[in-house]
Amino acid sequence: MRYRLTFMLGAAVGYVLGARAGRDRYEQLRKGARQIAQNPAVRNTVESAAQNGRALASRAVAKASDRMPESVADRVRSLRERGRDAEDDWGTSNT
């Protein structure tokens, strides 16, 4: 899935940079992307996915830390706590 998204992003960037329509087409694409990003259904889906991802990551860390040496587990725990209140680049909350 990661590679598919990377490919789609690359294709979109290539289209924008290579489009002969120029700035007008770029502005049209940007406006469409902004409308999609501001759609409440999309925002709710992104927020839900972020929360589910955090929950799954917490479970994975808990399982993995049982098998790690104590010094590594302590370091991972301290790094997780340090970034807990930081906001991510996607505009989702850490709730």
PDB file of N, CA and C in Angstrom:
ATOM      1  N   MET A   1       0.831  -1.187   0.000  1.00  0.00           N
ATOM      2  CA  MET A   1       0.000   0.000   0.000  1.00  0.00           C
ATOM      3  C   MET A   1       0.880   1.257   0.000  1.00  0.00           C
ATOM      4  N   ARG A   2       1.981   1.209   0.746  1.00  0.00           N
ATOM      5  CA  ARG A   2       2.874   2.359   0.817  1.00  0.00           C
ATOM      6  C   ARG A   2       3.444   2.685  -0.553  1.00  0.00           C
ATOM      7  N   TYR A   3       3.822   1.650  -1.286  1.00  0.00           N
ATOM      8  CA  TYR A   3       4.405   1.872  -2.603  1.00  0.00           C
ATOM      9  C   TYR A   3       3.362   2.390  -3.593  1.00  0.00           C
ATOM     10  N   ARG A   4       2.136   1.951  -3.432  1.00  0.00           N
ATOM     11  CA  ARG A   4       1.062   2.434  -4.297  1.00  0.00           C
ATOM     12  C   ARG A   4       0.833   3.927  -4.067  1.00  0.00           C
ATOM     13  N   LEU A   5       0.798   4.324  -2.784  1.00  0.00           N
ATOM     14  CA  LEU A   5       0.611   5.743  -2.480  1.00  0.00           C
ATOM     15  C   LEU A   5       1.790   6.576  -2.973  1.00  0.00           C
ATOM     16  N   THR A   6       2.986   6.039  -2.828  1.00  0.00           N
ATOM     17  CA  THR A   6       4.173   6.746  -3.315  1.00  0.00           C
ATOM     18  C   THR A   6       4.112   6.913  -4.825  1.00  0.00           C
ATOM     19  N   PHE A   7       3.699   5.869  -5.516  1.00  0.00           N
ATOM     20  CA  PHE A   7       3.580   5.953  -6.970  1.00  0.00           C
ATOM     21  C   PHE A   7       2.531   6.986  -7.369  1.00  0.00           C
ATOM     22  N   MET A   8       1.371   6.957  -6.695  1.00  0.00           N
ATOM     23  CA  MET A   8       0.304   7.903  -7.030  1.00  0.00           C
ATOM     24  C   MET A   8       0.750   9.337  -6.764  1.00  0.00           C
ATOM     25  N   LEU A   9       1.470   9.545  -5.659  1.00  0.00           N
ATOM     26  CA  LEU A   9       1.973  10.881  -5.355  1.00  0.00           C
ATOM     27  C   LEU A   9       2.970  11.330  -6.412  1.00  0.00           C
ATOM     28  N   GLY A  10       3.856  10.431  -6.814  1.00  0.00           N
ATOM     29  CA  GLY A  10       4.823  10.756  -7.859  1.00  0.00           C
ATOM     30  C   GLY A  10       4.153  11.072  -9.181  1.00  0.00           C
ATOM     31  N   ALA A  11       3.114  10.297  -9.509  1.00  0.00           N
ATOM     32  CA  ALA A  11       2.382  10.551 -10.748  1.00  0.00           C
ATOM     33  C   ALA A  11       1.689  11.913 -10.697  1.00  0.00           C
ATOM     34  N   ALA A  12       1.114  12.239  -9.545  1.00  0.00           N
ATOM     35  CA  ALA A  12       0.439  13.529  -9.407  1.00  0.00           C
ATOM     36  C   ALA A  12       1.433  14.686  -9.516  1.00  0.00           C
ATOM     37  N   VAL A  13       2.566  14.548  -8.868  1.00  0.00           N
ATOM     38  CA  VAL A  13       3.590  15.599  -8.943  1.00  0.00           C
ATOM     39  C   VAL A  13       4.101  15.738 -10.371  1.00  0.00           C
ATOM     40  N   GLY A  14       4.332  14.611 -11.030  1.00  0.00           N
ATOM     41  CA  GLY A  14       4.781  14.650 -12.422  1.00  0.00           C
ATOM     42  C   GLY A  14       3.764  15.306 -13.330  1.00  0.00           C
ATOM     43  N   TYR A  15       2.493  15.016 -13.078  1.00  0.00           N
ATOM     44  CA  TYR A  15       1.444  15.627 -13.888  1.00  0.00           C
ATOM     45  C   TYR A  15       1.434  17.141 -13.690  1.00  0.00           C
ATOM     46  N   VAL A  16       1.497  17.550 -12.426  1.00  0.00           N
ATOM     47  CA  VAL A  16       1.448  18.986 -12.137  1.00  0.00           C
ATOM     48  C   VAL A  16       2.648  19.699 -12.751  1.00  0.00           C
ATOM     49  N   LEU A  17       3.828  19.117 -12.574  1.00  0.00           N
ATOM     50  CA  LEU A  17       5.028  19.769 -13.093  1.00  0.00           C
ATOM     51  C   LEU A  17       5.104  19.714 -14.612  1.00  0.00           C
ATOM     52  N   GLY A  18       4.536  18.685 -15.202  1.00  0.00           N
ATOM     53  CA  GLY A  18       4.645  18.532 -16.643  1.00  0.00           C
ATOM     54  C   GLY A  18       3.433  18.999 -17.422  1.00  0.00           C
ATOM     55  N   ALA A  19       2.419  19.455 -16.738  1.00  0.00           N
ATOM     56  CA  ALA A  19       1.192  19.855 -17.429  1.00  0.00           C
ATOM     57  C   ALA A  19       1.448  21.077 -18.313  1.00  0.00           C
ATOM     58  N   ARG A  20       0.948  21.018 -19.513  1.00  0.00           N
ATOM     59  CA  ARG A  20       1.117  22.143 -20.437  1.00  0.00           C
ATOM     60  C   ARG A  20       0.090  23.239 -20.187  1.00  0.00           C
ATOM     61  N   ALA A  21      -0.934  22.908 -19.404  1.00  0.00           N
ATOM     62  CA  ALA A  21      -1.965  23.901 -19.131  1.00  0.00           C
ATOM     63  C   ALA A  21      -1.441  25.021 -18.238  1.00  0.00           C
ATOM     64  N   GLY A  22      -0.357  24.763 -17.539  1.00  0.00           N
ATOM     65  CA  GLY A  22       0.286  25.805 -16.748  1.00  0.00           C
ATOM     66  C   GLY A  22      -0.357  26.048 -15.404  1.00  0.00           C
ATOM     67  N   ARG A  23      -0.237  27.262 -14.962  1.00  0.00           N
ATOM     68  CA  ARG A  23      -0.639  27.648 -13.611  1.00  0.00           C
ATOM     69  C   ARG A  23      -2.133  27.468 -13.367  1.00  0.00           C
ATOM     70  N   ASP A  24      -2.960  27.701 -14.363  1.00  0.00           N
ATOM     71  CA  ASP A  24      -4.404  27.571 -14.183  1.00  0.00           C
ATOM     72  C   ASP A  24      -4.782  26.150 -13.790  1.00  0.00           C
ATOM     73  N   ARG A  25      -4.211  25.184 -14.470  1.00  0.00           N
ATOM     74  CA  ARG A  25      -4.511  23.784 -14.154  1.00  0.00           C
ATOM     75  C   ARG A  25      -3.994  23.428 -12.761  1.00  0.00           C
ATOM     76  N   TYR A  26      -2.836  23.936 -12.417  1.00  0.00           N
ATOM     77  CA  TYR A  26      -2.286  23.703 -11.083  1.00  0.00           C
ATOM     78  C   TYR A  26      -3.223  24.259 -10.011  1.00  0.00           C
ATOM     79  N   GLU A  27      -3.707  25.472 -10.204  1.00  0.00           N
ATOM     80  CA  GLU A  27      -4.628  26.086  -9.245  1.00  0.00           C
ATOM     81  C   GLU A  27      -5.925  25.296  -9.156  1.00  0.00           C
ATOM     82  N   GLN A  28      -6.405  24.791 -10.280  1.00  0.00           N
ATOM     83  CA  GLN A  28      -7.623  23.986 -10.287  1.00  0.00           C
ATOM     84  C   GLN A  28      -7.420  22.702  -9.472  1.00  0.00           C
ATOM     85  N   LEU A  29      -6.293  22.045  -9.651  1.00  0.00           N
ATOM     86  CA  LEU A  29      -5.993  20.832  -8.887  1.00  0.00           C
ATOM     87  C   LEU A  29      -5.843  21.142  -7.398  1.00  0.00           C
ATOM     88  N   ARG A  30      -5.193  22.244  -7.100  1.00  0.00           N
ATOM     89  CA  ARG A  30      -4.999  22.633  -5.706  1.00  0.00           C
ATOM     90  C   ARG A  30      -6.332  22.929  -5.022  1.00  0.00           C
ATOM     91  N   LYS A  31      -7.221  23.596  -5.736  1.00  0.00           N
ATOM     92  CA  LYS A  31      -8.538  23.904  -5.190  1.00  0.00           C
ATOM     93  C   LYS A  31      -9.320  22.619  -4.926  1.00  0.00           C
ATOM     94  N   GLY A  32      -9.246  21.668  -5.850  1.00  0.00           N
ATOM     95  CA  GLY A  32      -9.925  20.385  -5.663  1.00  0.00           C
ATOM     96  C   GLY A  32      -9.372  19.611  -4.478  1.00  0.00           C
ATOM     97  N   ALA A  33      -8.059  19.611  -4.325  1.00  0.00           N
ATOM     98  CA  ALA A  33      -7.437  18.922  -3.191  1.00  0.00           C
ATOM     99  C   ALA A  33      -7.841  19.577  -1.876  1.00  0.00           C
ATOM    100  N   ARG A  34      -7.913  20.892  -1.858  1.00  0.00           N
ATOM    101  CA  ARG A  34      -8.322  21.600  -0.647  1.00  0.00           C
ATOM    102  C   ARG A  34      -9.767  21.272  -0.290  1.00  0.00           C
ATOM    103  N   GLN A  35     -10.648  21.210  -1.295  1.00  0.00           N
ATOM    104  CA  GLN A  35     -12.044  20.878  -1.039  1.00  0.00           C
ATOM    105  C   GLN A  35     -12.180  19.467  -0.475  1.00  0.00           C
ATOM    106  N   ILE A  36     -11.399  18.542  -1.012  1.00  0.00           N
ATOM    107  CA  ILE A  36     -11.441  17.172  -0.504  1.00  0.00           C
ATOM    108  C   ILE A  36     -10.940  17.133   0.937  1.00  0.00           C
ATOM    109  N   ALA A  37      -9.857  17.835   1.214  1.00  0.00           N
ATOM    110  CA  ALA A  37      -9.278  17.823   2.558  1.00  0.00           C
ATOM    111  C   ALA A  37     -10.192  18.484   3.581  1.00  0.00           C
ATOM    112  N   GLN A  38     -11.024  19.431   3.152  1.00  0.00           N
ATOM    113  CA  GLN A  38     -11.909  20.120   4.077  1.00  0.00           C
ATOM    114  C   GLN A  38     -13.267  19.443   4.211  1.00  0.00           C
ATOM    115  N   ASN A  39     -13.496  18.383   3.472  1.00  0.00           N
ATOM    116  CA  ASN A  39     -14.744  17.642   3.554  1.00  0.00           C
ATOM    117  C   ASN A  39     -14.840  16.975   4.929  1.00  0.00           C
ATOM    118  N   PRO A  40     -15.961  17.175   5.657  1.00  0.00           N
ATOM    119  CA  PRO A  40     -16.089  16.580   6.993  1.00  0.00           C
ATOM    120  C   PRO A  40     -15.978  15.052   6.991  1.00  0.00           C
ATOM    121  N   ALA A  41     -16.477  14.400   5.970  1.00  0.00           N
ATOM    122  CA  ALA A  41     -16.382  12.939   5.917  1.00  0.00           C
ATOM    123  C   ALA A  41     -14.924  12.498   5.808  1.00  0.00           C
ATOM    124  N   VAL A  42     -14.154  13.210   5.006  1.00  0.00           N
ATOM    125  CA  VAL A  42     -12.734  12.885   4.855  1.00  0.00           C
ATOM    126  C   VAL A  42     -11.998  13.166   6.161  1.00  0.00           C
ATOM    127  N   ARG A  43     -12.299  14.290   6.786  1.00  0.00           N
ATOM    128  CA  ARG A  43     -11.644  14.622   8.053  1.00  0.00           C
ATOM    129  C   ARG A  43     -11.945  13.570   9.123  1.00  0.00           C
ATOM    130  N   ASN A  44     -13.210  13.131   9.198  1.00  0.00           N
ATOM    131  CA  ASN A  44     -13.574  12.114  10.183  1.00  0.00           C
ATOM    132  C   ASN A  44     -12.856  10.801   9.907  1.00  0.00           C
ATOM    133  N   THR A  45     -12.746  10.435   8.644  1.00  0.00           N
ATOM    134  CA  THR A  45     -12.058   9.200   8.281  1.00  0.00           C
ATOM    135  C   THR A  45     -10.581   9.280   8.640  1.00  0.00           C
ATOM    136  N   VAL A  46      -9.955  10.411   8.374  1.00  0.00           N
ATOM    137  CA  VAL A  46      -8.538  10.592   8.705  1.00  0.00           C
ATOM    138  C   VAL A  46      -8.340  10.527  10.215  1.00  0.00           C
ATOM    139  N   GLU A  47      -9.210  11.179  10.957  1.00  0.00           N
ATOM    140  CA  GLU A  47      -9.107  11.158  12.419  1.00  0.00           C
ATOM    141  C   GLU A  47      -9.279   9.740  12.953  1.00  0.00           C
ATOM    142  N   SER A  48     -10.249   9.023  12.424  1.00  0.00           N
ATOM    143  CA  SER A  48     -10.479   7.640  12.846  1.00  0.00           C
ATOM    144  C   SER A  48      -9.281   6.752  12.523  1.00  0.00           C
ATOM    145  N   ALA A  49      -8.732   6.910  11.331  1.00  0.00           N
ATOM    146  CA  ALA A  49      -7.562   6.115  10.941  1.00  0.00           C
ATOM    147  C   ALA A  49      -6.366   6.439  11.832  1.00  0.00           C
ATOM    148  N   ALA A  50      -6.192   7.702  12.178  1.00  0.00           N
ATOM    149  CA  ALA A  50      -5.081   8.090  13.049  1.00  0.00           C
ATOM    150  C   ALA A  50      -5.241   7.480  14.438  1.00  0.00           C
ATOM    151  N   GLN A  51      -6.457   7.504  14.966  1.00  0.00           N
ATOM    152  CA  GLN A  51      -6.691   6.917  16.286  1.00  0.00           C
ATOM    153  C   GLN A  51      -6.478   5.407  16.262  1.00  0.00           C
ATOM    154  N   ASN A  52      -6.976   4.740  15.233  1.00  0.00           N
ATOM    155  CA  ASN A  52      -6.777   3.294  15.122  1.00  0.00           C
ATOM    156  C   ASN A  52      -5.299   2.962  14.975  1.00  0.00           C
ATOM    157  N   GLY A  53      -4.584   3.749  14.209  1.00  0.00           N
ATOM    158  CA  GLY A  53      -3.153   3.528  14.040  1.00  0.00           C
ATOM    159  C   GLY A  53      -2.401   3.680  15.344  1.00  0.00           C
ATOM    160  N   ARG A  54      -2.772   4.691  16.132  1.00  0.00           N
ATOM    161  CA  ARG A  54      -2.120   4.872  17.429  1.00  0.00           C
ATOM    162  C   ARG A  54      -2.408   3.699  18.361  1.00  0.00           C
ATOM    163  N   ALA A  55      -3.653   3.226  18.355  1.00  0.00           N
ATOM    164  CA  ALA A  55      -4.012   2.096  19.217  1.00  0.00           C
ATOM    165  C   ALA A  55      -3.244   0.840  18.815  1.00  0.00           C
ATOM    166  N   LEU A  56      -3.172   0.580  17.522  1.00  0.00           N
ATOM    167  CA  LEU A  56      -2.438  -0.600  17.057  1.00  0.00           C
ATOM    168  C   LEU A  56      -0.943  -0.473  17.339  1.00  0.00           C
ATOM    169  N   ALA A  57      -0.407   0.713  17.185  1.00  0.00           N
ATOM    170  CA  ALA A  57       1.012   0.922  17.469  1.00  0.00           C
ATOM    171  C   ALA A  57       1.300   0.718  18.954  1.00  0.00           C
ATOM    172  N   SER A  58       0.400   1.165  19.813  1.00  0.00           N
ATOM    173  CA  SER A  58       0.595   0.972  21.251  1.00  0.00           C
ATOM    174  C   SER A  58       0.609  -0.506  21.607  1.00  0.00           C
ATOM    175  N   ARG A  59      -0.309  -1.262  20.995  1.00  0.00           N
ATOM    176  CA  ARG A  59      -0.328  -2.709  21.252  1.00  0.00           C
ATOM    177  C   ARG A  59       0.941  -3.373  20.749  1.00  0.00           C
ATOM    178  N   ALA A  60       1.407  -2.957  19.586  1.00  0.00           N
ATOM    179  CA  ALA A  60       2.624  -3.553  19.024  1.00  0.00           C
ATOM    180  C   ALA A  60       3.835  -3.240  19.898  1.00  0.00           C
ATOM    181  N   VAL A  61       3.910  -2.011  20.397  1.00  0.00           N
ATOM    182  CA  VAL A  61       5.027  -1.638  21.265  1.00  0.00           C
ATOM    183  C   VAL A  61       4.969  -2.437  22.562  1.00  0.00           C
ATOM    184  N   ALA A  62       3.769  -2.615  23.101  1.00  0.00           N
ATOM    185  CA  ALA A  62       3.638  -3.381  24.341  1.00  0.00           C
ATOM    186  C   ALA A  62       4.109  -4.821  24.144  1.00  0.00           C
ATOM    187  N   LYS A  63       3.712  -5.433  23.039  1.00  0.00           N
ATOM    188  CA  LYS A  63       4.133  -6.812  22.772  1.00  0.00           C
ATOM    189  C   LYS A  63       5.631  -6.899  22.513  1.00  0.00           C
ATOM    190  N   ALA A  64       6.153  -5.950  21.758  1.00  0.00           N
ATOM    191  CA  ALA A  64       7.574  -5.987  21.420  1.00  0.00           C
ATOM    192  C   ALA A  64       8.447  -5.673  22.627  1.00  0.00           C
ATOM    193  N   SER A  65       7.991  -4.787  23.502  1.00  0.00           N
ATOM    194  CA  SER A  65       8.814  -4.415  24.656  1.00  0.00           C
ATOM    195  C   SER A  65       8.960  -5.564  25.643  1.00  0.00           C
ATOM    196  N   ASP A  66       8.026  -6.527  25.626  1.00  0.00           N
ATOM    197  CA  ASP A  66       8.167  -7.704  26.479  1.00  0.00           C
ATOM    198  C   ASP A  66       9.358  -8.548  26.058  1.00  0.00           C
ATOM    199  N   ARG A  67       9.726  -8.480  24.801  1.00  0.00           N
ATOM    200  CA  ARG A  67      10.809  -9.311  24.275  1.00  0.00           C
ATOM    201  C   ARG A  67      12.133  -8.554  24.132  1.00  0.00           C
ATOM    202  N   MET A  68      12.125  -7.266  24.429  1.00  0.00           N
ATOM    203  CA  MET A  68      13.339  -6.454  24.304  1.00  0.00           C
ATOM    204  C   MET A  68      14.122  -6.461  25.610  1.00  0.00           C
ATOM    205  N   PRO A  69      15.412  -6.179  25.527  1.00  0.00           N
ATOM    206  CA  PRO A  69      16.167  -5.945  26.764  1.00  0.00           C
ATOM    207  C   PRO A  69      15.593  -4.726  27.489  1.00  0.00           C
ATOM    208  N   GLU A  70      15.702  -4.704  28.785  1.00  0.00           N
ATOM    209  CA  GLU A  70      15.087  -3.642  29.589  1.00  0.00           C
ATOM    210  C   GLU A  70      15.584  -2.247  29.202  1.00  0.00           C
ATOM    211  N   SER A  71      16.857  -2.114  28.876  1.00  0.00           N
ATOM    212  CA  SER A  71      17.394  -0.794  28.515  1.00  0.00           C
ATOM    213  C   SER A  71      16.760  -0.270  27.227  1.00  0.00           C
ATOM    214  N   VAL A  72      16.537  -1.147  26.265  1.00  0.00           N
ATOM    215  CA  VAL A  72      15.906  -0.742  25.008  1.00  0.00           C
ATOM    216  C   VAL A  72      14.443  -0.396  25.252  1.00  0.00           C
ATOM    217  N   ALA A  73      13.759  -1.202  26.052  1.00  0.00           N
ATOM    218  CA  ALA A  73      12.348  -0.936  26.358  1.00  0.00           C
ATOM    219  C   ALA A  73      12.191   0.408  27.063  1.00  0.00           C
ATOM    220  N   ASP A  74      13.105   0.725  27.985  1.00  0.00           N
ATOM    221  CA  ASP A  74      13.045   2.022  28.671  1.00  0.00           C
ATOM    222  C   ASP A  74      13.248   3.176  27.697  1.00  0.00           C
ATOM    223  N   ARG A  75      14.160   3.009  26.768  1.00  0.00           N
ATOM    224  CA  ARG A  75      14.434   4.064  25.779  1.00  0.00           C
ATOM    225  C   ARG A  75      13.221   4.285  24.874  1.00  0.00           C
ATOM    226  N   VAL A  76      12.602   3.210  24.416  1.00  0.00           N
ATOM    227  CA  VAL A  76      11.412   3.317  23.566  1.00  0.00           C
ATOM    228  C   VAL A  76      10.290   3.994  24.339  1.00  0.00           C
ATOM    229  N   ARG A  77      10.110   3.615  25.584  1.00  0.00           N
ATOM    230  CA  ARG A  77       9.064   4.201  26.417  1.00  0.00           C
ATOM    231  C   ARG A  77       9.292   5.704  26.595  1.00  0.00           C
ATOM    232  N   SER A  78      10.536   6.113  26.836  1.00  0.00           N
ATOM    233  CA  SER A  78      10.819   7.540  27.025  1.00  0.00           C
ATOM    234  C   SER A  78      10.599   8.328  25.734  1.00  0.00           C
ATOM    235  N   LEU A  79      10.949   7.748  24.599  1.00  0.00           N
ATOM    236  CA  LEU A  79      10.723   8.434  23.321  1.00  0.00           C
ATOM    237  C   LEU A  79       9.234   8.571  23.021  1.00  0.00           C
ATOM    238  N   ARG A  80       8.460   7.552  23.342  1.00  0.00           N
ATOM    239  CA  ARG A  80       7.012   7.624  23.113  1.00  0.00           C
ATOM    240  C   ARG A  80       6.380   8.702  23.982  1.00  0.00           C
ATOM    241  N   GLU A  81       6.798   8.790  25.233  1.00  0.00           N
ATOM    242  CA  GLU A  81       6.225   9.783  26.140  1.00  0.00           C
ATOM    243  C   GLU A  81       6.628  11.200  25.755  1.00  0.00           C
ATOM    244  N   ARG A  82       7.819  11.361  25.210  1.00  0.00           N
ATOM    245  CA  ARG A  82       8.288  12.686  24.800  1.00  0.00           C
ATOM    246  C   ARG A  82       7.454  13.233  23.641  1.00  0.00           C
ATOM    247  N   GLY A  83       7.039  12.401  22.714  1.00  0.00           N
ATOM    248  CA  GLY A  83       6.286  12.854  21.555  1.00  0.00           C
ATOM    249  C   GLY A  83       4.790  12.746  21.697  1.00  0.00           C
ATOM    250  N   ARG A  84       4.315  12.451  22.887  1.00  0.00           N
ATOM    251  CA  ARG A  84       2.888  12.211  23.092  1.00  0.00           C
ATOM    252  C   ARG A  84       2.032  13.451  22.865  1.00  0.00           C
ATOM    253  N   ASP A  85       2.508  14.627  23.261  1.00  0.00           N
ATOM    254  CA  ASP A  85       1.707  15.847  23.160  1.00  0.00           C
ATOM    255  C   ASP A  85       1.950  16.621  21.874  1.00  0.00           C
ATOM    256  N   ALA A  86       2.818  16.124  21.024  1.00  0.00           N
ATOM    257  CA  ALA A  86       3.127  16.832  19.780  1.00  0.00           C
ATOM    258  C   ALA A  86       2.020  16.606  18.758  1.00  0.00           C
ATOM    259  N   GLU A  87       1.753  17.627  17.974  1.00  0.00           N
ATOM    260  CA  GLU A  87       0.758  17.496  16.914  1.00  0.00           C
ATOM    261  C   GLU A  87       1.450  17.028  15.645  1.00  0.00           C
ATOM    262  N   ASP A  88       0.763  16.171  14.910  1.00  0.00           N
ATOM    263  CA  ASP A  88       1.369  15.650  13.690  1.00  0.00           C
ATOM    264  C   ASP A  88       1.115  16.587  12.515  1.00  0.00           C
ATOM    265  N   ASP A  89       1.750  16.305  11.393  1.00  0.00           N
ATOM    266  CA  ASP A  89       1.651  17.161  10.215  1.00  0.00           C
ATOM    267  C   ASP A  89       0.303  17.061   9.510  1.00  0.00           C
ATOM    268  N   TRP A  90      -0.497  16.082   9.872  1.00  0.00           N
ATOM    269  CA  TRP A  90      -1.758  15.861   9.170  1.00  0.00           C
ATOM    270  C   TRP A  90      -2.899  16.648   9.788  1.00  0.00           C
ATOM    271  N   GLY A  91      -2.658  17.319  10.892  1.00  0.00           N
ATOM    272  CA  GLY A  91      -3.701  18.117  11.516  1.00  0.00           C
ATOM    273  C   GLY A  91      -4.637  17.308  12.380  1.00  0.00           C
ATOM    274  N   THR A  92      -4.284  16.067  12.684  1.00  0.00           N
ATOM    275  CA  THR A  92      -5.131  15.257  13.542  1.00  0.00           C
ATOM    276  C   THR A  92      -4.711  15.463  14.979  1.00  0.00           C
ATOM    277  N   SER A  93      -5.650  15.296  15.882  1.00  0.00           N
ATOM    278  CA  SER A  93      -5.339  15.482  17.292  1.00  0.00           C
ATOM    279  C   SER A  93      -4.774  14.195  17.873  1.00  0.00           C
ATOM    280  N   ASN A  94      -4.195  14.297  19.033  1.00  0.00           N
ATOM    281  CA  ASN A  94      -3.632  13.122  19.703  1.00  0.00           C
ATOM    282  C   ASN A  94      -4.579  12.603  20.773  1.00  0.00           C
ATOM    283  N   THR A  95      -5.845  12.527  20.466  1.00  0.00           N
ATOM    284  CA  THR A  95      -6.815  12.020  21.433  1.00  0.00           C
ATOM    285  C   THR A  95      -7.080  10.573  21.196  1.00  0.00           C
TER     286      THR A  95
END
